[in-house]
Protein backbone atom coordinates (compact mmCIF):
# COMPACT_ATOMS: atom_id res chain seq x y z
CA UNK A 1 0.00 0.00 0.00
CA UNK A 2 1.38 3.38 -0.99
CA UNK A 3 1.56 6.14 1.57
CA UNK A 4 -1.61 8.21 1.12
CA UNK A 5 -1.73 11.96 1.68
CA UNK A 6 -2.98 12.55 5.22
CA UNK A 7 -4.55 15.80 6.43
CA UNK A 8 -4.82 17.19 9.94
CA UNK A 9 -6.17 20.52 11.14
CA UNK A 10 -2.84 22.26 10.48
CA UNK A 11 -0.72 19.80 8.50
CA UNK A 12 -0.46 17.92 5.25
CA UNK A 13 1.48 14.67 5.42
CA UNK A 14 2.48 14.14 1.81
CA UNK A 15 4.01 10.88 0.55
CA UNK A 16 7.78 11.18 0.26
CA UNK A 17 8.99 11.67 -3.32
CA UNK A 18 12.40 11.91 -4.94
CA UNK A 19 11.65 15.55 -5.76
CA UNK A 20 11.59 16.27 -1.98
CA UNK A 21 15.34 15.66 -1.71
CA UNK A 22 16.48 19.29 -2.18
CA UNK A 23 14.01 20.61 0.43
CA UNK A 24 14.99 17.92 2.93
CA UNK A 25 18.69 18.45 2.27
CA UNK A 26 18.17 22.11 3.16
CA UNK A 27 16.61 21.53 6.62
CA UNK A 28 17.73 18.07 7.78
CA UNK A 29 21.52 18.36 8.30
CA UNK A 30 21.41 20.19 11.63
CA UNK A 31 22.81 18.84 14.87
CA UNK A 32 19.53 19.52 16.69
CA UNK A 33 17.74 17.34 14.11
CA UNK A 34 20.16 14.41 13.89
CA UNK A 35 21.76 14.02 17.32
CA UNK A 36 19.16 11.56 18.67
CA UNK A 37 18.76 9.62 15.42
CA UNK A 38 20.21 6.13 14.98
CA UNK A 39 23.92 6.03 14.23
CA UNK A 40 23.28 4.70 10.71
CA UNK A 41 22.56 8.36 9.75
CA UNK A 42 25.88 9.67 8.40
CA UNK A 43 27.37 12.70 10.15
CA UNK A 44 28.57 15.08 8.87
CA UNK A 45 25.64 14.67 6.51
CA UNK A 46 26.82 14.35 2.89
CA UNK A 47 25.73 16.87 0.25
CA UNK A 48 23.71 14.15 -1.49
CA UNK A 49 22.46 12.52 1.74
CA UNK A 50 18.76 13.23 1.27
CA UNK A 51 18.76 12.16 -2.38
CA UNK A 52 20.68 8.97 -1.60
CA UNK A 53 18.42 8.08 1.33
CA UNK A 54 15.17 8.71 -0.54
CA UNK A 55 16.30 6.99 -3.75
CA UNK A 56 18.20 4.02 -2.30
CA UNK A 57 16.51 3.34 1.05
CA UNK A 58 13.09 4.91 1.60
CA UNK A 59 11.42 4.56 -1.80
CA UNK A 60 12.55 0.94 -2.36
CA UNK A 61 11.16 0.05 1.11
CA UNK A 62 7.87 1.79 0.23
CA UNK A 63 7.70 -0.17 -3.04
CA UNK A 64 8.13 -3.40 -1.04
CA UNK A 65 5.37 -2.41 1.45
CA UNK A 66 7.88 -2.45 4.32
CA UNK A 67 7.82 1.27 5.08
CA UNK A 68 5.62 4.33 4.64
CA UNK A 69 7.18 7.80 4.51
CA UNK A 70 5.69 11.29 4.55
CA UNK A 71 6.95 14.83 4.49
CA UNK A 72 5.36 17.17 7.01
CA UNK A 73 4.06 20.46 5.62
CA UNK A 74 2.00 23.26 7.10
CA UNK A 75 -1.37 23.68 5.40
CA UNK A 76 -0.58 27.40 5.30
CA UNK A 77 2.74 26.72 3.46
CA UNK A 78 2.21 23.47 1.51
CA UNK A 79 5.43 23.71 -0.50
CA UNK A 80 7.71 23.96 2.57
CA UNK A 81 8.96 20.70 4.12
CA UNK A 82 9.35 21.14 7.88
CA UNK A 83 10.02 17.51 8.78
CA UNK A 84 9.36 13.87 7.98
CA UNK A 85 7.58 10.99 9.64
CA UNK A 86 7.65 7.31 8.76
CA UNK A 87 6.32 3.91 9.68
CA UNK A 88 8.44 0.77 9.50
CA UNK A 89 7.40 -2.87 9.42
CA UNK A 90 10.41 -3.87 11.53
CA UNK A 91 10.51 -5.54 14.93
CA UNK A 92 10.79 -2.96 17.73
CA UNK A 93 10.96 0.00 15.31
CA UNK A 94 7.61 1.07 13.92
CA UNK A 95 7.73 4.87 13.81
CA UNK A 96 10.34 7.56 13.37
CA UNK A 97 10.24 11.30 12.81
CA UNK A 98 12.16 14.53 12.78
CA UNK A 99 11.10 18.17 12.76
CA UNK A 100 13.27 21.18 11.93
CA UNK A 101 13.94 23.39 14.98
CA UNK A 102 11.99 26.51 13.90
CA UNK A 103 8.74 24.52 13.94
CA UNK A 104 9.17 22.77 17.28
CA UNK A 105 7.10 23.59 20.32
CA UNK A 106 3.83 24.13 18.42
CA UNK A 107 2.38 20.61 18.72
CA UNK A 108 2.97 19.80 15.04
CA UNK A 109 4.72 16.49 15.69
CA UNK A 110 2.05 15.39 18.14
CA UNK A 111 -0.56 16.19 15.47
CA UNK A 112 1.39 14.30 12.80
CA UNK A 113 1.77 11.29 15.12
CA UNK A 114 -1.98 11.18 15.73
CA UNK A 115 -2.60 10.82 11.98
CA UNK A 116 0.20 8.29 11.54
CA UNK A 117 -0.93 6.21 14.50
CA UNK A 118 -4.46 6.04 13.05
CA UNK A 119 -2.97 4.86 9.75
CA UNK A 120 -0.90 2.20 11.58
CA UNK A 121 -3.69 0.85 13.75
CA UNK A 122 -6.76 1.32 11.52
CA UNK A 123 -5.57 1.17 7.91
CA UNK A 124 -2.67 -1.25 8.32
CA UNK A 125 -4.42 -3.09 11.18
CA UNK A 126 -1.23 -3.53 13.21
CA UNK A 127 -1.73 -4.86 16.75
CA UNK A 128 1.11 -2.96 18.44
CA UNK A 129 3.38 0.05 17.85
CA UNK A 130 6.87 0.01 19.30
CA UNK A 131 9.01 3.12 19.13
CA UNK A 132 12.71 3.25 20.05
CA UNK A 133 14.24 6.52 21.21
CA UNK A 134 17.31 7.95 22.86
CA UNK A 135 16.71 8.32 26.60
CA UNK A 136 17.89 11.93 26.36
CA UNK A 137 15.27 12.89 23.77
CA UNK A 138 12.80 14.56 26.13
CA UNK A 139 10.58 16.00 23.38
CA UNK A 140 10.05 12.56 21.84
CA UNK A 141 9.44 11.07 25.28
CA UNK A 142 6.70 13.65 25.96
CA UNK A 143 4.93 12.72 22.72
CA UNK A 144 4.99 9.03 23.64
CA UNK A 145 3.71 9.77 27.15
CA UNK A 146 0.83 11.89 25.79
CA UNK A 147 -0.09 9.07 23.41
CA UNK A 148 -0.44 6.66 26.32
CA UNK A 149 2.66 4.67 25.43
CA UNK A 150 4.65 2.97 28.14
CA UNK A 151 8.36 2.28 28.26
CA UNK A 152 8.95 -1.48 28.15
CA UNK A 153 12.73 -1.73 27.88
CA UNK A 154 16.00 0.15 28.29
CA UNK A 155 19.20 -0.99 26.59
CA UNK A 156 22.41 0.36 25.13
CA UNK A 157 21.93 2.32 21.94
CA UNK A 158 24.07 4.04 19.34
CA UNK A 159 23.05 7.42 18.03
CA UNK A 160 24.58 10.13 15.87
CA UNK A 161 25.62 11.85 19.12
CA UNK A 162 27.20 8.64 20.44
CA UNK A 163 26.37 5.80 22.79
CA UNK A 164 23.52 6.30 25.25
CA UNK A 165 20.58 4.44 26.68
CA UNK A 166 17.86 3.58 24.20
CA UNK A 167 14.28 3.22 25.42
CA UNK A 168 11.61 1.13 23.74
CA UNK A 169 8.06 2.49 24.08
CA UNK A 170 4.92 0.54 23.24
CA UNK A 171 1.22 1.09 22.56
CA UNK A 172 -1.24 -1.65 21.60
CA UNK A 173 -4.17 -1.17 19.23
CA UNK A 174 -6.57 -1.84 22.12
CA UNK A 175 -4.88 0.84 24.25
CA UNK A 176 -4.90 3.27 21.32
CA UNK A 177 -8.62 2.64 20.68
CA UNK A 178 -9.40 3.16 24.36
CA UNK A 179 -7.53 6.50 24.26
CA UNK A 180 -9.48 7.49 21.13
CA UNK A 181 -12.78 6.66 22.81
CA UNK A 182 -11.88 8.80 25.85
CA UNK A 183 -10.89 11.82 23.74
CA UNK A 184 -13.80 11.78 21.30
C-alpha atoms as a PDB file:
ATOM      1  CA  UNK A   1       0.000   0.000   0.000  1.00  0.00           C
ATOM      2  CA  UNK A   2       1.384   3.377  -0.990  1.00  0.00           C
ATOM      3  CA  UNK A   3       1.560   6.135   1.570  1.00  0.00           C
ATOM      4  CA  UNK A   4      -1.611   8.210   1.120  1.00  0.00           C
ATOM      5  CA  UNK A   5      -1.729  11.958   1.680  1.00  0.00           C
ATOM      6  CA  UNK A   6      -2.984  12.547   5.219  1.00  0.00           C
ATOM      7  CA  UNK A   7      -4.553  15.796   6.430  1.00  0.00           C
ATOM      8  CA  UNK A   8      -4.823  17.190   9.939  1.00  0.00           C
ATOM      9  CA  UNK A   9      -6.165  20.516  11.137  1.00  0.00           C
ATOM     10  CA  UNK A  10      -2.835  22.264  10.476  1.00  0.00           C
ATOM     11  CA  UNK A  11      -0.715  19.796   8.498  1.00  0.00           C
ATOM     12  CA  UNK A  12      -0.461  17.921   5.252  1.00  0.00           C
ATOM     13  CA  UNK A  13       1.481  14.669   5.419  1.00  0.00           C
ATOM     14  CA  UNK A  14       2.484  14.138   1.808  1.00  0.00           C
ATOM     15  CA  UNK A  15       4.009  10.879   0.550  1.00  0.00           C
ATOM     16  CA  UNK A  16       7.778  11.175   0.255  1.00  0.00           C
ATOM     17  CA  UNK A  17       8.993  11.667  -3.322  1.00  0.00           C
ATOM     18  CA  UNK A  18      12.398  11.905  -4.943  1.00  0.00           C
ATOM     19  CA  UNK A  19      11.651  15.548  -5.759  1.00  0.00           C
ATOM     20  CA  UNK A  20      11.588  16.268  -1.984  1.00  0.00           C
ATOM     21  CA  UNK A  21      15.339  15.656  -1.710  1.00  0.00           C
ATOM     22  CA  UNK A  22      16.484  19.294  -2.176  1.00  0.00           C
ATOM     23  CA  UNK A  23      14.011  20.610   0.429  1.00  0.00           C
ATOM     24  CA  UNK A  24      14.987  17.916   2.931  1.00  0.00           C
ATOM     25  CA  UNK A  25      18.689  18.451   2.269  1.00  0.00           C
ATOM     26  CA  UNK A  26      18.171  22.115   3.164  1.00  0.00           C
ATOM     27  CA  UNK A  27      16.613  21.528   6.620  1.00  0.00           C
ATOM     28  CA  UNK A  28      17.727  18.066   7.781  1.00  0.00           C
ATOM     29  CA  UNK A  29      21.523  18.356   8.296  1.00  0.00           C
ATOM     30  CA  UNK A  30      21.409  20.187  11.626  1.00  0.00           C
ATOM     31  CA  UNK A  31      22.811  18.844  14.874  1.00  0.00           C
ATOM     32  CA  UNK A  32      19.526  19.515  16.692  1.00  0.00           C
ATOM     33  CA  UNK A  33      17.738  17.343  14.108  1.00  0.00           C
ATOM     34  CA  UNK A  34      20.157  14.406  13.886  1.00  0.00           C
ATOM     35  CA  UNK A  35      21.761  14.023  17.316  1.00  0.00           C
ATOM     36  CA  UNK A  36      19.161  11.560  18.666  1.00  0.00           C
ATOM     37  CA  UNK A  37      18.762   9.621  15.421  1.00  0.00           C
ATOM     38  CA  UNK A  38      20.205   6.131  14.979  1.00  0.00           C
ATOM     39  CA  UNK A  39      23.921   6.032  14.232  1.00  0.00           C
ATOM     40  CA  UNK A  40      23.275   4.702  10.706  1.00  0.00           C
ATOM     41  CA  UNK A  41      22.559   8.356   9.750  1.00  0.00           C
ATOM     42  CA  UNK A  42      25.876   9.671   8.405  1.00  0.00           C
ATOM     43  CA  UNK A  43      27.370  12.704  10.149  1.00  0.00           C
ATOM     44  CA  UNK A  44      28.567  15.078   8.874  1.00  0.00           C
ATOM     45  CA  UNK A  45      25.637  14.665   6.508  1.00  0.00           C
ATOM     46  CA  UNK A  46      26.819  14.353   2.890  1.00  0.00           C
ATOM     47  CA  UNK A  47      25.730  16.865   0.252  1.00  0.00           C
ATOM     48  CA  UNK A  48      23.707  14.147  -1.494  1.00  0.00           C
ATOM     49  CA  UNK A  49      22.465  12.524   1.742  1.00  0.00           C
ATOM     50  CA  UNK A  50      18.757  13.226   1.270  1.00  0.00           C
ATOM     51  CA  UNK A  51      18.763  12.157  -2.379  1.00  0.00           C
ATOM     52  CA  UNK A  52      20.681   8.968  -1.597  1.00  0.00           C
ATOM     53  CA  UNK A  53      18.422   8.082   1.335  1.00  0.00           C
ATOM     54  CA  UNK A  54      15.175   8.708  -0.536  1.00  0.00           C
ATOM     55  CA  UNK A  55      16.300   6.989  -3.751  1.00  0.00           C
ATOM     56  CA  UNK A  56      18.203   4.024  -2.302  1.00  0.00           C
ATOM     57  CA  UNK A  57      16.508   3.337   1.050  1.00  0.00           C
ATOM     58  CA  UNK A  58      13.093   4.915   1.596  1.00  0.00           C
ATOM     59  CA  UNK A  59      11.418   4.558  -1.799  1.00  0.00           C
ATOM     60  CA  UNK A  60      12.547   0.938  -2.356  1.00  0.00           C
ATOM     61  CA  UNK A  61      11.157   0.046   1.110  1.00  0.00           C
ATOM     62  CA  UNK A  62       7.871   1.792   0.228  1.00  0.00           C
ATOM     63  CA  UNK A  63       7.704  -0.172  -3.040  1.00  0.00           C
ATOM     64  CA  UNK A  64       8.129  -3.399  -1.043  1.00  0.00           C
ATOM     65  CA  UNK A  65       5.369  -2.414   1.448  1.00  0.00           C
ATOM     66  CA  UNK A  66       7.881  -2.452   4.319  1.00  0.00           C
ATOM     67  CA  UNK A  67       7.822   1.272   5.080  1.00  0.00           C
ATOM     68  CA  UNK A  68       5.619   4.326   4.639  1.00  0.00           C
ATOM     69  CA  UNK A  69       7.181   7.804   4.506  1.00  0.00           C
ATOM     70  CA  UNK A  70       5.689  11.290   4.549  1.00  0.00           C
ATOM     71  CA  UNK A  71       6.948  14.833   4.488  1.00  0.00           C
ATOM     72  CA  UNK A  72       5.362  17.173   7.014  1.00  0.00           C
ATOM     73  CA  UNK A  73       4.062  20.459   5.617  1.00  0.00           C
ATOM     74  CA  UNK A  74       2.000  23.265   7.100  1.00  0.00           C
ATOM     75  CA  UNK A  75      -1.373  23.679   5.397  1.00  0.00           C
ATOM     76  CA  UNK A  76      -0.583  27.399   5.304  1.00  0.00           C
ATOM     77  CA  UNK A  77       2.737  26.715   3.456  1.00  0.00           C
ATOM     78  CA  UNK A  78       2.206  23.469   1.510  1.00  0.00           C
ATOM     79  CA  UNK A  79       5.431  23.706  -0.498  1.00  0.00           C
ATOM     80  CA  UNK A  80       7.710  23.958   2.573  1.00  0.00           C
ATOM     81  CA  UNK A  81       8.962  20.696   4.120  1.00  0.00           C
ATOM     82  CA  UNK A  82       9.350  21.142   7.885  1.00  0.00           C
ATOM     83  CA  UNK A  83      10.020  17.509   8.782  1.00  0.00           C
ATOM     84  CA  UNK A  84       9.364  13.874   7.982  1.00  0.00           C
ATOM     85  CA  UNK A  85       7.579  10.986   9.643  1.00  0.00           C
ATOM     86  CA  UNK A  86       7.649   7.310   8.758  1.00  0.00           C
ATOM     87  CA  UNK A  87       6.317   3.908   9.683  1.00  0.00           C
ATOM     88  CA  UNK A  88       8.435   0.766   9.498  1.00  0.00           C
ATOM     89  CA  UNK A  89       7.400  -2.866   9.415  1.00  0.00           C
ATOM     90  CA  UNK A  90      10.414  -3.870  11.530  1.00  0.00           C
ATOM     91  CA  UNK A  91      10.511  -5.544  14.933  1.00  0.00           C
ATOM     92  CA  UNK A  92      10.790  -2.960  17.734  1.00  0.00           C
ATOM     93  CA  UNK A  93      10.956  -0.001  15.314  1.00  0.00           C
ATOM     94  CA  UNK A  94       7.611   1.069  13.924  1.00  0.00           C
ATOM     95  CA  UNK A  95       7.726   4.871  13.808  1.00  0.00           C
ATOM     96  CA  UNK A  96      10.345   7.558  13.368  1.00  0.00           C
ATOM     97  CA  UNK A  97      10.243  11.295  12.813  1.00  0.00           C
ATOM     98  CA  UNK A  98      12.159  14.528  12.781  1.00  0.00           C
ATOM     99  CA  UNK A  99      11.104  18.169  12.759  1.00  0.00           C
ATOM    100  CA  UNK A 100      13.270  21.176  11.926  1.00  0.00           C
ATOM    101  CA  UNK A 101      13.937  23.389  14.984  1.00  0.00           C
ATOM    102  CA  UNK A 102      11.988  26.513  13.896  1.00  0.00           C
ATOM    103  CA  UNK A 103       8.737  24.524  13.939  1.00  0.00           C
ATOM    104  CA  UNK A 104       9.172  22.767  17.278  1.00  0.00           C
ATOM    105  CA  UNK A 105       7.095  23.591  20.318  1.00  0.00           C
ATOM    106  CA  UNK A 106       3.832  24.131  18.422  1.00  0.00           C
ATOM    107  CA  UNK A 107       2.382  20.606  18.715  1.00  0.00           C
ATOM    108  CA  UNK A 108       2.970  19.803  15.035  1.00  0.00           C
ATOM    109  CA  UNK A 109       4.718  16.491  15.691  1.00  0.00           C
ATOM    110  CA  UNK A 110       2.050  15.390  18.144  1.00  0.00           C
ATOM    111  CA  UNK A 111      -0.560  16.193  15.472  1.00  0.00           C
ATOM    112  CA  UNK A 112       1.392  14.298  12.802  1.00  0.00           C
ATOM    113  CA  UNK A 113       1.775  11.292  15.120  1.00  0.00           C
ATOM    114  CA  UNK A 114      -1.982  11.181  15.726  1.00  0.00           C
ATOM    115  CA  UNK A 115      -2.601  10.816  11.981  1.00  0.00           C
ATOM    116  CA  UNK A 116       0.204   8.291  11.542  1.00  0.00           C
ATOM    117  CA  UNK A 117      -0.929   6.207  14.501  1.00  0.00           C
ATOM    118  CA  UNK A 118      -4.458   6.035  13.054  1.00  0.00           C
ATOM    119  CA  UNK A 119      -2.973   4.856   9.753  1.00  0.00           C
ATOM    120  CA  UNK A 120      -0.898   2.196  11.581  1.00  0.00           C
ATOM    121  CA  UNK A 121      -3.692   0.850  13.746  1.00  0.00           C
ATOM    122  CA  UNK A 122      -6.756   1.317  11.521  1.00  0.00           C
ATOM    123  CA  UNK A 123      -5.574   1.169   7.909  1.00  0.00           C
ATOM    124  CA  UNK A 124      -2.667  -1.254   8.324  1.00  0.00           C
ATOM    125  CA  UNK A 125      -4.422  -3.090  11.183  1.00  0.00           C
ATOM    126  CA  UNK A 126      -1.226  -3.527  13.207  1.00  0.00           C
ATOM    127  CA  UNK A 127      -1.727  -4.858  16.753  1.00  0.00           C
ATOM    128  CA  UNK A 128       1.113  -2.956  18.439  1.00  0.00           C
ATOM    129  CA  UNK A 129       3.376   0.049  17.854  1.00  0.00           C
ATOM    130  CA  UNK A 130       6.873   0.007  19.302  1.00  0.00           C
ATOM    131  CA  UNK A 131       9.009   3.121  19.126  1.00  0.00           C
ATOM    132  CA  UNK A 132      12.709   3.248  20.050  1.00  0.00           C
ATOM    133  CA  UNK A 133      14.243   6.517  21.209  1.00  0.00           C
ATOM    134  CA  UNK A 134      17.309   7.951  22.856  1.00  0.00           C
ATOM    135  CA  UNK A 135      16.711   8.324  26.596  1.00  0.00           C
ATOM    136  CA  UNK A 136      17.888  11.932  26.358  1.00  0.00           C
ATOM    137  CA  UNK A 137      15.265  12.887  23.771  1.00  0.00           C
ATOM    138  CA  UNK A 138      12.796  14.564  26.133  1.00  0.00           C
ATOM    139  CA  UNK A 139      10.583  15.996  23.376  1.00  0.00           C
ATOM    140  CA  UNK A 140      10.054  12.556  21.844  1.00  0.00           C
ATOM    141  CA  UNK A 141       9.435  11.068  25.278  1.00  0.00           C
ATOM    142  CA  UNK A 142       6.699  13.645  25.958  1.00  0.00           C
ATOM    143  CA  UNK A 143       4.929  12.717  22.717  1.00  0.00           C
ATOM    144  CA  UNK A 144       4.986   9.029  23.637  1.00  0.00           C
ATOM    145  CA  UNK A 145       3.709   9.766  27.146  1.00  0.00           C
ATOM    146  CA  UNK A 146       0.831  11.893  25.793  1.00  0.00           C
ATOM    147  CA  UNK A 147      -0.094   9.066  23.412  1.00  0.00           C
ATOM    148  CA  UNK A 148      -0.444   6.658  26.322  1.00  0.00           C
ATOM    149  CA  UNK A 149       2.660   4.667  25.430  1.00  0.00           C
ATOM    150  CA  UNK A 150       4.654   2.973  28.137  1.00  0.00           C
ATOM    151  CA  UNK A 151       8.364   2.276  28.260  1.00  0.00           C
ATOM    152  CA  UNK A 152       8.946  -1.475  28.149  1.00  0.00           C
ATOM    153  CA  UNK A 153      12.728  -1.735  27.876  1.00  0.00           C
ATOM    154  CA  UNK A 154      16.004   0.146  28.293  1.00  0.00           C
ATOM    155  CA  UNK A 155      19.199  -0.988  26.588  1.00  0.00           C
ATOM    156  CA  UNK A 156      22.412   0.355  25.129  1.00  0.00           C
ATOM    157  CA  UNK A 157      21.926   2.323  21.943  1.00  0.00           C
ATOM    158  CA  UNK A 158      24.066   4.040  19.344  1.00  0.00           C
ATOM    159  CA  UNK A 159      23.046   7.420  18.026  1.00  0.00           C
ATOM    160  CA  UNK A 160      24.582  10.127  15.874  1.00  0.00           C
ATOM    161  CA  UNK A 161      25.618  11.853  19.116  1.00  0.00           C
ATOM    162  CA  UNK A 162      27.198   8.641  20.445  1.00  0.00           C
ATOM    163  CA  UNK A 163      26.372   5.798  22.785  1.00  0.00           C
ATOM    164  CA  UNK A 164      23.522   6.302  25.249  1.00  0.00           C
ATOM    165  CA  UNK A 165      20.584   4.442  26.678  1.00  0.00           C
ATOM    166  CA  UNK A 166      17.856   3.576  24.202  1.00  0.00           C
ATOM    167  CA  UNK A 167      14.284   3.223  25.424  1.00  0.00           C
ATOM    168  CA  UNK A 168      11.607   1.127  23.744  1.00  0.00           C
ATOM    169  CA  UNK A 169       8.062   2.492  24.083  1.00  0.00           C
ATOM    170  CA  UNK A 170       4.919   0.536  23.241  1.00  0.00           C
ATOM    171  CA  UNK A 171       1.217   1.091  22.558  1.00  0.00           C
ATOM    172  CA  UNK A 172      -1.244  -1.651  21.599  1.00  0.00           C
ATOM    173  CA  UNK A 173      -4.170  -1.170  19.228  1.00  0.00           C
ATOM    174  CA  UNK A 174      -6.575  -1.842  22.120  1.00  0.00           C
ATOM    175  CA  UNK A 175      -4.877   0.837  24.250  1.00  0.00           C
ATOM    176  CA  UNK A 176      -4.902   3.266  21.318  1.00  0.00           C
ATOM    177  CA  UNK A 177      -8.615   2.636  20.676  1.00  0.00           C
ATOM    178  CA  UNK A 178      -9.405   3.156  24.362  1.00  0.00           C
ATOM    179  CA  UNK A 179      -7.533   6.496  24.265  1.00  0.00           C
ATOM    180  CA  UNK A 180      -9.477   7.494  21.134  1.00  0.00           C
ATOM    181  CA  UNK A 181     -12.776   6.663  22.809  1.00  0.00           C
ATOM    182  CA  UNK A 182     -11.879   8.800  25.848  1.00  0.00           C
ATOM    183  CA  UNK A 183     -10.893  11.816  23.738  1.00  0.00           C
ATOM    184  CA  UNK A 184     -13.802  11.776  21.300  1.00  0.00           C
END
